[in-house]
Structures are given as structure tokens and as C-alpha cells.
N, C-alpha and C. Protein backbone atom coordinates (compact mmCIF):
# COMPACT_ATOMS: atom_id res chain seq x y z
N UNK A 1 120.97 -49.58 -76.49
CA UNK A 1 121.41 -50.19 -77.57
C UNK A 1 122.64 -50.83 -76.83
N UNK A 2 123.10 -51.87 -77.61
CA UNK A 2 124.36 -52.74 -77.20
C UNK A 2 125.51 -52.27 -78.34
N UNK A 3 126.87 -51.24 -77.92
CA UNK A 3 126.86 -51.04 -78.78
C UNK A 3 128.51 -51.94 -79.29
N UNK A 4 128.78 -52.04 -80.61
CA UNK A 4 129.69 -53.01 -80.90
C UNK A 4 131.43 -52.44 -80.56
N UNK A 5 131.72 -53.21 -79.98
CA UNK A 5 133.48 -52.41 -79.16
C UNK A 5 134.82 -52.98 -80.15
N UNK A 6 135.63 -51.81 -80.78
CA UNK A 6 136.70 -51.74 -81.35
C UNK A 6 137.44 -50.91 -80.24
N UNK A 7 138.94 -52.38 -80.80
CA UNK A 7 140.09 -51.93 -80.16
C UNK A 7 140.92 -51.07 -81.29
N UNK A 8 141.47 -50.26 -80.49
CA UNK A 8 142.37 -49.24 -82.07
C UNK A 8 143.68 -49.03 -81.47
N UNK A 9 144.26 -49.96 -81.98
CA UNK A 9 145.85 -49.46 -81.58
C UNK A 9 146.26 -49.08 -82.42
N UNK A 10 147.42 -48.20 -82.11
CA UNK A 10 147.54 -46.89 -82.97
C UNK A 10 148.78 -46.22 -81.99
N UNK A 11 150.08 -45.91 -82.28
CA UNK A 11 150.91 -44.82 -82.09
C UNK A 11 151.34 -43.50 -81.86
N UNK A 12 150.34 -43.14 -83.02
CA UNK A 12 150.32 -41.83 -83.42
C UNK A 12 149.17 -40.92 -82.55
N UNK A 13 149.47 -40.58 -81.66
CA UNK A 13 148.53 -39.98 -80.74
C UNK A 13 147.17 -39.41 -81.35
N UNK A 14 148.01 -38.46 -82.19
CA UNK A 14 146.87 -37.30 -83.64
C UNK A 14 145.92 -37.90 -83.88
N UNK A 15 146.43 -39.29 -84.80
CA UNK A 15 145.56 -40.11 -85.64
C UNK A 15 144.51 -40.63 -84.46
N UNK A 16 144.95 -41.64 -83.61
CA UNK A 16 144.72 -42.05 -82.38
C UNK A 16 143.38 -41.40 -82.42
N UNK A 17 143.46 -40.22 -81.41
CA UNK A 17 142.52 -39.41 -81.13
C UNK A 17 140.88 -39.24 -82.08
N UNK A 18 141.68 -38.97 -83.24
CA UNK A 18 140.74 -38.26 -84.35
C UNK A 18 139.78 -39.71 -84.58
N UNK A 19 140.79 -40.75 -84.60
CA UNK A 19 139.77 -42.09 -85.59
C UNK A 19 138.69 -42.42 -84.41
N UNK A 20 139.19 -42.47 -83.30
CA UNK A 20 138.81 -42.89 -81.78
C UNK A 20 137.20 -42.26 -81.86
N UNK A 21 137.39 -40.79 -81.86
CA UNK A 21 136.18 -39.78 -81.69
C UNK A 21 135.45 -40.04 -82.95
N UNK A 22 135.90 -40.06 -84.97
CA UNK A 22 135.16 -40.70 -85.87
C UNK A 22 134.56 -41.62 -85.42
N UNK A 23 134.95 -42.74 -84.68
CA UNK A 23 134.20 -44.18 -84.68
C UNK A 23 133.20 -44.32 -83.90
N UNK A 24 133.69 -43.36 -82.87
CA UNK A 24 132.66 -43.01 -81.63
C UNK A 24 131.51 -42.35 -81.96
N UNK A 25 131.53 -41.23 -82.91
CA UNK A 25 130.21 -40.80 -83.71
C UNK A 25 129.35 -41.64 -84.53
N UNK A 26 130.09 -42.69 -85.07
CA UNK A 26 129.22 -43.65 -86.11
C UNK A 26 128.64 -44.68 -84.65
N UNK A 27 128.87 -44.59 -83.60
CA UNK A 27 128.41 -45.33 -82.56
C UNK A 27 128.89 -46.35 -82.49
N UNK A 28 130.37 -46.93 -82.09
CA UNK A 28 130.86 -47.55 -81.29
C UNK A 28 132.01 -47.51 -80.46
N UNK A 29 131.91 -48.21 -79.56
CA UNK A 29 132.64 -47.81 -78.41
C UNK A 29 134.08 -48.28 -78.48
N UNK A 30 135.16 -47.37 -78.31
CA UNK A 30 136.47 -47.55 -78.79
C UNK A 30 137.47 -47.59 -77.31
N UNK A 31 138.23 -48.58 -77.61
CA UNK A 31 139.50 -48.66 -76.28
C UNK A 31 140.54 -48.82 -77.21
N UNK A 32 141.57 -47.87 -76.95
CA UNK A 32 142.44 -47.29 -77.11
C UNK A 32 143.92 -47.89 -76.74
N UNK A 33 144.67 -48.39 -77.75
CA UNK A 33 145.97 -48.70 -77.11
C UNK A 33 147.55 -48.12 -77.84
N UNK A 34 148.43 -47.76 -77.30
CA UNK A 34 149.23 -47.27 -78.52
C UNK A 34 150.57 -47.96 -78.42
N UNK A 35 150.71 -49.79 -77.88
CA UNK A 35 151.54 -49.85 -77.85
C UNK A 35 151.05 -51.34 -77.44
N UNK A 36 151.66 -52.77 -77.93
CA UNK A 36 151.76 -54.31 -77.54
C UNK A 36 151.27 -54.27 -76.33
N UNK A 37 151.79 -53.94 -75.12
CA UNK A 37 151.65 -54.21 -73.56
C UNK A 37 150.19 -53.64 -73.45
N UNK A 38 150.27 -52.45 -73.72
CA UNK A 38 148.41 -51.93 -73.39
C UNK A 38 147.55 -52.36 -74.31
N UNK A 39 147.72 -52.90 -75.50
CA UNK A 39 146.49 -53.76 -76.05
C UNK A 39 146.62 -55.48 -75.59
N UNK A 40 147.61 -55.65 -75.13
CA UNK A 40 147.46 -57.47 -74.66
C UNK A 40 146.77 -57.12 -73.33
N UNK A 41 146.57 -55.91 -72.58
CA UNK A 41 145.77 -55.76 -71.24
C UNK A 41 144.34 -55.77 -71.57
N UNK A 42 144.02 -54.94 -72.65
CA UNK A 42 142.64 -54.65 -73.02
C UNK A 42 142.25 -55.88 -73.59
N UNK A 43 143.17 -56.53 -74.06
CA UNK A 43 142.33 -58.26 -74.98
C UNK A 43 142.20 -58.93 -73.65
N UNK A 44 143.24 -58.47 -72.87
CA UNK A 44 142.63 -59.90 -71.48
C UNK A 44 141.52 -59.32 -70.67
N UNK A 45 141.29 -58.34 -70.65
CA UNK A 45 140.40 -57.69 -69.99
C UNK A 45 138.71 -57.58 -70.75
N UNK A 46 138.66 -57.74 -72.02
CA UNK A 46 137.33 -57.85 -72.60
C UNK A 46 137.76 -58.01 -73.80
N UNK A 47 136.17 -58.36 -74.18
CA UNK A 47 135.85 -58.85 -75.60
C UNK A 47 135.50 -58.14 -76.58
N UNK A 48 135.83 -57.92 -77.83
CA UNK A 48 135.70 -57.06 -78.78
C UNK A 48 135.31 -57.65 -80.11
N UNK A 49 135.05 -56.58 -80.92
CA UNK A 49 134.20 -57.30 -82.13
C UNK A 49 135.09 -56.74 -83.03
N UNK A 50 135.90 -55.99 -83.20
CA UNK A 50 136.57 -55.37 -84.41
C UNK A 50 137.87 -55.20 -83.21
N UNK A 51 139.23 -54.81 -84.78
CA UNK A 51 140.46 -54.58 -83.81
C UNK A 51 141.02 -53.79 -84.98
N UNK A 52 141.37 -52.61 -84.95
CA UNK A 52 142.24 -51.88 -86.37
C UNK A 52 144.04 -51.71 -85.78
N UNK A 53 144.66 -52.25 -86.33
CA UNK A 53 146.11 -52.53 -85.73
C UNK A 53 146.64 -51.78 -86.39
N UNK A 54 147.66 -50.96 -86.28
CA UNK A 54 148.46 -50.09 -86.83
C UNK A 54 149.82 -50.99 -87.22
N UNK A 55 150.38 -51.29 -88.40
CA UNK A 55 151.37 -52.63 -88.32
C UNK A 55 152.49 -52.52 -87.50
N UNK A 56 152.88 -51.19 -87.58
CA UNK A 56 154.05 -50.14 -86.82
C UNK A 56 153.76 -49.39 -85.80
N UNK A 57 154.45 -50.83 -84.63
CA UNK A 57 153.97 -49.59 -83.14
C UNK A 57 155.35 -49.03 -82.92
N UNK A 58 156.34 -48.20 -83.40
CA UNK A 58 156.96 -47.98 -82.24
C UNK A 58 158.05 -48.89 -82.72
N UNK A 59 159.11 -49.26 -84.28
CA UNK A 59 159.29 -50.42 -84.29
C UNK A 59 159.30 -51.48 -84.29
N UNK A 60 157.72 -52.43 -83.68
CA UNK A 60 157.72 -53.01 -83.46
C UNK A 60 156.63 -53.18 -84.40
N UNK A 61 156.18 -54.62 -84.75
CA UNK A 61 155.31 -55.20 -85.20
C UNK A 61 153.65 -54.76 -84.30
N UNK A 62 152.65 -55.49 -85.11
CA UNK A 62 151.53 -55.56 -84.17
C UNK A 62 150.83 -56.77 -84.54
N UNK A 63 151.37 -57.54 -85.51
CA UNK A 63 151.13 -58.86 -86.01
C UNK A 63 151.16 -59.58 -84.64
N UNK A 64 151.70 -59.51 -83.79
CA UNK A 64 151.50 -60.32 -82.61
C UNK A 64 150.51 -60.11 -82.15
N UNK A 65 149.56 -59.43 -82.30
CA UNK A 65 148.39 -59.04 -81.22
C UNK A 65 147.27 -59.82 -82.35
N UNK A 66 147.67 -59.93 -83.22
CA UNK A 66 146.51 -60.96 -84.22
C UNK A 66 145.66 -62.22 -83.46
N UNK A 67 147.05 -63.37 -83.04
CA UNK A 67 146.59 -64.44 -82.42
C UNK A 67 145.96 -64.71 -80.68
N UNK A 68 146.52 -63.20 -80.56
CA UNK A 68 145.64 -63.09 -78.91
C UNK A 68 143.54 -62.70 -79.13
N UNK A 69 144.07 -62.03 -79.93
CA UNK A 69 142.63 -61.40 -80.27
C UNK A 69 141.56 -62.45 -80.58
N UNK A 70 142.06 -63.56 -82.02
CA UNK A 70 141.68 -64.40 -82.11
C UNK A 70 141.18 -65.08 -81.65
N UNK A 71 142.25 -65.49 -80.20
CA UNK A 71 141.92 -66.13 -79.05
C UNK A 71 140.89 -65.93 -78.40
N UNK A 72 140.68 -64.65 -77.83
CA UNK A 72 139.78 -63.85 -77.55
C UNK A 72 138.56 -64.00 -78.21
N UNK A 73 138.88 -63.73 -79.63
CA UNK A 73 137.01 -63.74 -79.69
C UNK A 73 137.24 -64.43 -81.52
N UNK A 74 137.03 -65.53 -81.72
CA UNK A 74 137.22 -66.31 -82.82
C UNK A 74 136.70 -65.49 -83.71
N UNK A 75 135.65 -64.64 -83.95
CA UNK A 75 135.02 -64.19 -84.84
C UNK A 75 135.07 -62.80 -85.43
N UNK A 76 136.19 -62.29 -84.17
CA UNK A 76 136.59 -60.72 -84.32
C UNK A 76 137.06 -60.14 -85.80
N UNK A 77 136.68 -59.56 -86.36
CA UNK A 77 137.12 -58.72 -87.34
C UNK A 77 138.48 -57.89 -87.18
N UNK A 78 139.73 -58.06 -88.19
CA UNK A 78 140.75 -57.24 -87.96
C UNK A 78 141.45 -56.55 -89.23
N UNK A 79 141.48 -55.48 -88.83
CA UNK A 79 142.29 -54.67 -90.03
C UNK A 79 143.40 -54.28 -89.49
N UNK A 80 144.54 -54.43 -90.75
CA UNK A 80 145.89 -53.75 -90.56
C UNK A 80 145.83 -52.70 -91.34
N UNK A 81 146.30 -51.58 -90.48
CA UNK A 81 147.09 -50.39 -91.32
C UNK A 81 148.10 -50.05 -91.20
N UNK A 82 148.77 -49.67 -91.85
CA UNK A 82 150.12 -49.33 -92.35
C UNK A 82 150.36 -48.06 -93.31
N UNK A 83 151.17 -47.23 -93.14
CA UNK A 83 152.00 -46.43 -93.87
C UNK A 83 152.86 -46.82 -95.18
N UNK A 84 152.91 -48.30 -94.52
CA UNK A 84 154.43 -48.94 -95.32
C UNK A 84 153.73 -50.51 -96.14
N UNK A 85 152.63 -49.87 -96.69
CA UNK A 85 152.15 -51.00 -97.17
C UNK A 85 153.12 -51.93 -98.21
N UNK A 86 153.22 -53.34 -98.26
CA UNK A 86 154.26 -54.41 -98.87
C UNK A 86 153.11 -55.48 -99.11
N UNK A 87 153.49 -56.38 -100.07
CA UNK A 87 152.55 -57.46 -100.57
C UNK A 87 152.93 -58.96 -99.06
N UNK A 88 154.06 -58.42 -98.92
CA UNK A 88 154.53 -59.46 -98.31
C UNK A 88 153.90 -59.22 -96.48
N UNK A 89 153.82 -58.16 -95.89
CA UNK A 89 153.54 -57.90 -94.79
C UNK A 89 151.64 -58.18 -95.19
N UNK A 90 151.37 -58.14 -96.22
CA UNK A 90 149.74 -57.81 -95.95
C UNK A 90 149.56 -59.37 -95.99
N UNK A 91 150.24 -60.07 -96.73
CA UNK A 91 150.07 -62.07 -96.62
C UNK A 91 150.18 -62.48 -95.73
N UNK A 92 151.08 -61.94 -95.25
CA UNK A 92 151.72 -62.70 -93.54
C UNK A 92 150.51 -61.89 -92.64
N UNK A 93 149.87 -60.90 -92.89
CA UNK A 93 148.89 -60.30 -92.04
C UNK A 93 147.67 -61.39 -92.19
N UNK A 94 147.43 -61.60 -93.22
CA UNK A 94 146.33 -62.37 -93.57
C UNK A 94 146.33 -63.90 -93.17
N UNK A 95 147.41 -64.33 -93.51
CA UNK A 95 148.00 -65.52 -93.27
C UNK A 95 147.57 -65.88 -91.11
N UNK A 96 147.90 -64.99 -90.56
CA UNK A 96 147.89 -64.97 -88.95
C UNK A 96 146.28 -64.67 -88.51
N UNK A 97 145.48 -64.38 -89.49
CA UNK A 97 143.95 -64.20 -89.40
C UNK A 97 143.37 -62.87 -89.44
N UNK A 98 144.20 -61.85 -89.90
CA UNK A 98 143.65 -60.32 -90.21
C UNK A 98 142.84 -60.36 -91.29
N UNK A 99 141.44 -59.86 -91.43
CA UNK A 99 140.42 -59.85 -92.35
C UNK A 99 141.01 -58.85 -93.66
N UNK A 100 141.36 -58.02 -93.42
CA UNK A 100 141.98 -57.01 -93.86
C UNK A 100 142.86 -56.00 -93.85
N UNK A 101 143.86 -55.61 -95.05
CA UNK A 101 144.85 -54.94 -95.20
C UNK A 101 144.65 -53.31 -95.94
N UNK A 102 144.92 -52.14 -95.23
CA UNK A 102 144.66 -51.01 -95.67
C UNK A 102 145.66 -50.03 -95.63
N UNK A 103 146.12 -49.36 -96.50
CA UNK A 103 147.33 -48.76 -96.39
C UNK A 103 146.85 -47.03 -96.09
N UNK A 104 148.07 -46.32 -94.97
CA UNK A 104 147.18 -44.91 -94.67
C UNK A 104 148.02 -44.08 -95.83
N UNK A 105 147.18 -43.25 -96.29
CA UNK A 105 146.56 -42.51 -95.37
C UNK A 105 145.00 -42.88 -95.69
N UNK A 106 144.11 -43.03 -94.74
CA UNK A 106 143.05 -43.32 -94.81
C UNK A 106 141.89 -42.97 -93.67
N UNK A 107 140.70 -42.50 -94.60
CA UNK A 107 139.91 -41.86 -93.21
C UNK A 107 139.25 -42.99 -92.98
N UNK A 108 138.00 -42.24 -91.55
CA UNK A 108 137.24 -43.53 -90.67
C UNK A 108 136.51 -44.14 -91.94
N UNK A 109 135.76 -43.83 -92.61
CA UNK A 109 134.55 -44.05 -93.80
C UNK A 109 135.54 -45.49 -94.38
N UNK A 110 136.77 -45.09 -94.62
CA UNK A 110 137.62 -46.38 -95.85
C UNK A 110 138.10 -47.06 -94.63
N UNK A 111 138.13 -46.84 -93.57
CA UNK A 111 138.72 -48.25 -92.26
C UNK A 111 137.28 -48.10 -91.96
N UNK A 112 136.59 -48.24 -91.98
CA UNK A 112 134.88 -49.02 -91.98
C UNK A 112 134.68 -50.04 -92.89
N UNK A 113 134.79 -49.24 -94.17
CA UNK A 113 134.53 -49.92 -95.14
C UNK A 113 135.33 -51.40 -95.08
N UNK A 114 136.99 -51.18 -95.10
CA UNK A 114 137.73 -51.85 -95.09
C UNK A 114 137.64 -53.23 -93.86
N UNK A 115 137.30 -52.52 -92.47
CA UNK A 115 137.23 -53.61 -91.39
C UNK A 115 135.33 -54.31 -91.98
N UNK A 116 134.76 -53.85 -92.39
CA UNK A 116 133.24 -54.43 -92.69
C UNK A 116 133.11 -55.64 -93.71
N UNK A 117 134.16 -54.89 -94.29
CA UNK A 117 134.18 -55.98 -96.12
C UNK A 117 134.32 -57.38 -95.51
N UNK A 118 133.27 -58.52 -96.51
CA UNK A 118 133.83 -59.39 -96.12
C UNK A 118 133.93 -60.46 -97.21
N UNK A 119 133.75 -60.06 -98.42
CA UNK A 119 133.75 -61.05 -99.28
C UNK A 119 134.73 -60.93 -100.08
N UNK A 120 135.68 -59.71 -100.33
CA UNK A 120 136.47 -59.64 -101.02
C UNK A 120 137.88 -58.82 -99.99
N UNK A 121 138.81 -59.83 -99.51
CA UNK A 121 139.68 -59.08 -98.40
C UNK A 121 140.72 -58.01 -99.80
N UNK A 122 140.77 -56.73 -99.09
CA UNK A 122 141.77 -55.82 -99.94
C UNK A 122 142.92 -56.55 -100.44
N UNK A 123 144.01 -57.27 -99.99
CA UNK A 123 145.25 -57.90 -100.59
C UNK A 123 144.68 -58.63 -102.42
N UNK A 124 143.77 -59.02 -101.81
CA UNK A 124 143.66 -60.33 -103.64
C UNK A 124 142.76 -59.09 -104.37
N UNK A 125 141.93 -58.18 -103.97
CA UNK A 125 141.75 -57.46 -104.87
C UNK A 125 142.97 -56.62 -105.44
N UNK A 126 143.44 -56.05 -104.46
CA UNK A 126 144.91 -55.50 -104.86
C UNK A 126 145.75 -56.08 -106.01
N UNK A 127 146.11 -57.59 -105.92
CA UNK A 127 146.96 -58.02 -106.29
C UNK A 127 146.26 -58.77 -107.72
N UNK A 128 144.91 -58.43 -107.84
CA UNK A 128 144.30 -58.60 -109.02
C UNK A 128 144.55 -57.71 -109.69
N UNK A 129 144.48 -56.50 -109.14
CA UNK A 129 144.71 -55.21 -109.83
C UNK A 129 146.31 -55.30 -110.29
N UNK A 130 147.17 -55.37 -109.31
CA UNK A 130 148.37 -55.62 -109.42
C UNK A 130 148.77 -56.32 -110.74
N UNK A 131 148.20 -57.66 -111.15
CA UNK A 131 148.63 -58.30 -112.08
C UNK A 131 148.17 -57.46 -113.47
N UNK A 132 147.23 -56.64 -113.52
CA UNK A 132 146.91 -56.70 -114.95
C UNK A 132 147.76 -55.18 -115.27
N UNK A 133 148.54 -54.33 -114.58
CA UNK A 133 149.18 -53.61 -114.26
C UNK A 133 150.90 -53.61 -113.62
N UNK A 134 152.00 -53.69 -114.77
CA UNK A 134 153.22 -54.59 -114.09
C UNK A 134 153.69 -53.80 -113.05
N UNK A 135 154.47 -54.05 -111.90
CA UNK A 135 154.98 -53.20 -110.98
C UNK A 135 156.26 -52.07 -111.44
N UNK A 136 156.64 -51.02 -110.92
CA UNK A 136 158.18 -50.35 -111.21
C UNK A 136 158.86 -51.12 -110.67
N UNK A 137 159.81 -51.02 -110.97
CA UNK A 137 160.95 -51.88 -110.44
C UNK A 137 161.73 -50.87 -109.40
N UNK A 138 161.55 -49.43 -108.77
CA UNK A 138 161.69 -49.43 -107.20
C UNK A 138 160.40 -50.12 -106.58
N UNK A 139 159.13 -50.56 -107.21
CA UNK A 139 158.61 -51.05 -106.26
C UNK A 139 158.83 -52.20 -106.05
N UNK A 140 159.11 -53.17 -107.03
CA UNK A 140 159.87 -54.60 -107.35
C UNK A 140 160.93 -54.62 -106.07
N UNK A 141 161.60 -53.56 -106.35
CA UNK A 141 162.94 -53.92 -105.27
C UNK A 141 162.38 -53.24 -104.30
N UNK A 142 161.16 -52.96 -103.47
CA UNK A 142 160.69 -52.78 -102.31
C UNK A 142 160.26 -53.80 -101.65
N UNK A 143 159.19 -54.72 -102.83
CA UNK A 143 158.24 -55.76 -101.98
C UNK A 143 159.65 -56.78 -101.58
N UNK A 144 160.92 -57.13 -102.74
CA UNK A 144 161.46 -58.10 -102.40
C UNK A 144 162.70 -57.49 -100.83
N UNK A 145 162.67 -56.71 -100.70
CA UNK A 145 163.19 -56.14 -99.60
C UNK A 145 162.31 -56.32 -98.69
N UNK A 146 161.11 -56.48 -98.38
CA UNK A 146 160.39 -56.67 -97.26
C UNK A 146 160.23 -57.78 -97.26
N UNK A 147 160.13 -58.91 -98.55
CA UNK A 147 159.91 -60.52 -98.37
C UNK A 147 161.59 -61.02 -97.44
N UNK A 148 162.12 -60.26 -97.95
CA UNK A 148 163.85 -60.52 -97.47
C UNK A 148 163.71 -60.13 -96.23
N UNK A 149 163.40 -59.32 -95.23
CA UNK A 149 163.01 -58.89 -94.31
C UNK A 149 162.29 -59.74 -93.49
N UNK A 150 161.00 -59.91 -93.59
CA UNK A 150 160.28 -60.85 -93.02
C UNK A 150 160.70 -62.20 -92.80
N UNK A 151 161.43 -62.81 -93.99
CA UNK A 151 162.43 -63.99 -93.87
C UNK A 151 163.04 -64.19 -92.57
N UNK A 152 163.92 -63.05 -92.26
CA UNK A 152 164.74 -62.80 -91.40
C UNK A 152 164.07 -62.18 -89.80
N UNK A 153 162.79 -62.51 -89.62
CA UNK A 153 162.33 -61.44 -88.68
C UNK A 153 162.51 -60.55 -88.57
N UNK A 154 162.88 -59.61 -89.50
CA UNK A 154 163.27 -58.10 -88.77
C UNK A 154 164.77 -57.68 -88.80
N UNK A 155 165.59 -59.01 -89.05
CA UNK A 155 166.93 -58.66 -88.51
C UNK A 155 167.46 -58.13 -89.94
N UNK A 156 167.55 -56.46 -89.84
CA UNK A 156 168.19 -55.69 -91.03
C UNK A 156 169.73 -56.55 -90.97
N UNK A 157 170.58 -56.52 -90.19
CA UNK A 157 172.07 -56.96 -90.46
C UNK A 157 171.90 -58.25 -91.69
N UNK A 158 171.10 -59.36 -91.05
CA UNK A 158 171.09 -60.17 -91.57
C UNK A 158 170.38 -60.45 -93.13
N UNK A 159 169.47 -59.41 -93.45
CA UNK A 159 169.02 -59.23 -94.22
C UNK A 159 169.97 -58.57 -95.46
N UNK A 160 170.76 -57.45 -95.07
CA UNK A 160 171.11 -56.62 -96.01
C UNK A 160 172.66 -57.47 -96.45
N UNK A 161 172.76 -58.39 -95.58
CA UNK A 161 174.05 -59.17 -95.68
C UNK A 161 173.73 -60.62 -97.03
N UNK A 162 172.42 -60.59 -97.06
CA UNK A 162 171.00 -61.68 -97.73
C UNK A 162 171.40 -60.92 -99.31
N UNK A 163 171.24 -59.74 -99.16
CA UNK A 163 170.73 -58.56 -100.02
C UNK A 163 172.11 -58.42 -100.96
N UNK A 164 173.33 -58.22 -100.28
CA UNK A 164 174.17 -57.85 -100.87
C UNK A 164 174.12 -56.18 -101.01
N UNK A 165 173.86 -56.06 -99.73
CA UNK A 165 174.03 -54.27 -99.61
C UNK A 165 174.24 -53.63 -97.93
N UNK A 166 175.03 -52.44 -97.91
CA UNK A 166 175.64 -51.81 -96.74
C UNK A 166 174.30 -51.59 -95.64
N UNK A 167 174.45 -51.96 -94.63
CA UNK A 167 173.29 -52.50 -93.67
C UNK A 167 172.69 -50.68 -93.65
N UNK A 168 173.64 -49.71 -93.44
CA UNK A 168 172.76 -48.16 -94.04
C UNK A 168 172.14 -48.12 -95.09
N UNK A 169 172.70 -48.60 -96.23
CA UNK A 169 171.73 -48.36 -97.51
C UNK A 169 170.46 -49.03 -97.15
N UNK A 170 170.57 -50.20 -96.72
CA UNK A 170 169.01 -51.05 -96.52
C UNK A 170 168.39 -50.02 -95.62
N UNK A 171 168.71 -49.40 -94.16
CA UNK A 171 167.87 -49.01 -93.23
C UNK A 171 167.58 -47.30 -93.71
N UNK A 172 168.05 -46.77 -95.14
CA UNK A 172 167.76 -45.34 -95.80
C UNK A 172 166.60 -46.10 -96.16
N UNK A 173 166.44 -46.81 -97.51
CA UNK A 173 165.27 -47.66 -98.49
C UNK A 173 164.32 -47.66 -97.27
N UNK A 174 164.42 -48.54 -96.20
CA UNK A 174 163.35 -49.34 -95.13
C UNK A 174 162.96 -47.78 -94.51
N UNK A 175 163.43 -47.07 -94.51
CA UNK A 175 163.10 -45.42 -94.05
C UNK A 175 162.14 -44.43 -94.83
N UNK A 176 162.13 -44.86 -96.17
CA UNK A 176 161.44 -44.14 -96.95
C UNK A 176 160.16 -45.01 -97.47
N UNK A 177 159.07 -44.20 -97.85
CA UNK A 177 157.91 -44.72 -98.02
C UNK A 177 157.89 -45.29 -99.49
N UNK A 178 157.36 -46.37 -99.58
CA UNK A 178 157.35 -46.94 -100.26
C UNK A 178 156.56 -46.75 -101.68
N UNK A 179 157.19 -47.25 -102.83
CA UNK A 179 157.14 -46.30 -104.14
C UNK A 179 155.67 -46.60 -104.63
N UNK A 180 154.63 -45.74 -105.39
CA UNK A 180 153.30 -46.75 -105.81
C UNK A 180 153.78 -47.77 -106.94
N UNK A 181 152.80 -48.40 -107.00
CA UNK A 181 152.97 -49.56 -108.18
C UNK A 181 153.82 -48.87 -109.55
């Protein structure tokens, strides 16, 4: 039996081990990486059917891995996982070629469902729901901060300057988990 191969890029060692085991029990071959360098080495060495990428890898983004993954296998399905979901990063991930985007915490069944879902990517569904129910002011602030931060390529100082807030205040806001809609 030819198993499908998943690349799991996750810097949380415990989550990575648990997810890898759960996916293996569902008959997937799993290769793990905890940072961008390890992931690129794996991508250059073999072809994957699927990739699950944690958005935040120790302060760096995993979005840089989407293009090499697509270059290696144009048909690969890519899921971005994050504990800090925002519309801005979801849109950026989808534009780069990710197939879906899922907020943590998520279990193996939810992750596989999002990874294999083909007709309606997550951000579009969430976007439709968001249109029916207005976002809270705190959530709007979070989304705006994420948008400006993305426009400044992650530069905290320039983002703080543009938002007219102290750099440390911005850092504190970014360390908090985003508020629910």
C-alpha cells in the first residue's frame, strides 16, 4: 500500500509528536520539521502530498515554505495552523498558495478535515460568517494591527510608528491571543 506523505512543520515538540502519531495511525507517512531550515531540507529531499505548517515558528513565519512546497509538487495541499489567527495572515497564506487556514487548538480530525477540504477553503467560510455577525472593537483592532504589521513585513518599530503607539505597547498587544469575533 502506498501511503500519502505529510510534511508537518511545527515548533511545539509535544504537539508535533502527538499530531505525528495521530496522523500515522490514520495511515499517513509523516516527516517532521521544527524550523524553516529543517523543512527546506526535507522539501528538497522528497515530494509530499500534504503539508501542515504552523504559522509562527519561533518568531519566524512559515509562509516562506509555501512557494518551495508548490514548486516541489504543484498539487500539494497546504494547511496553515496558527494560534494567532487573523484575516490578514489568512488572506496572505491563501494568496501564496495555501489551501486552508485553521486556528489552534485543533485535533487530528479537524486538521485532516481542513487539509482535505477542497470546495470551500476555511477563510471564505469564516469570512461569510463574519459578514453576518459584526466583529468586536477589540477584534477589529487586532485585525488592523495584523494588517499594518504585514504591510511593514513584520517590522514592529515601523508598525508602532504608523499606528501612533509605543513600541512596547504594540509588543504587549501582539503577545496576547486574538480576541474572538
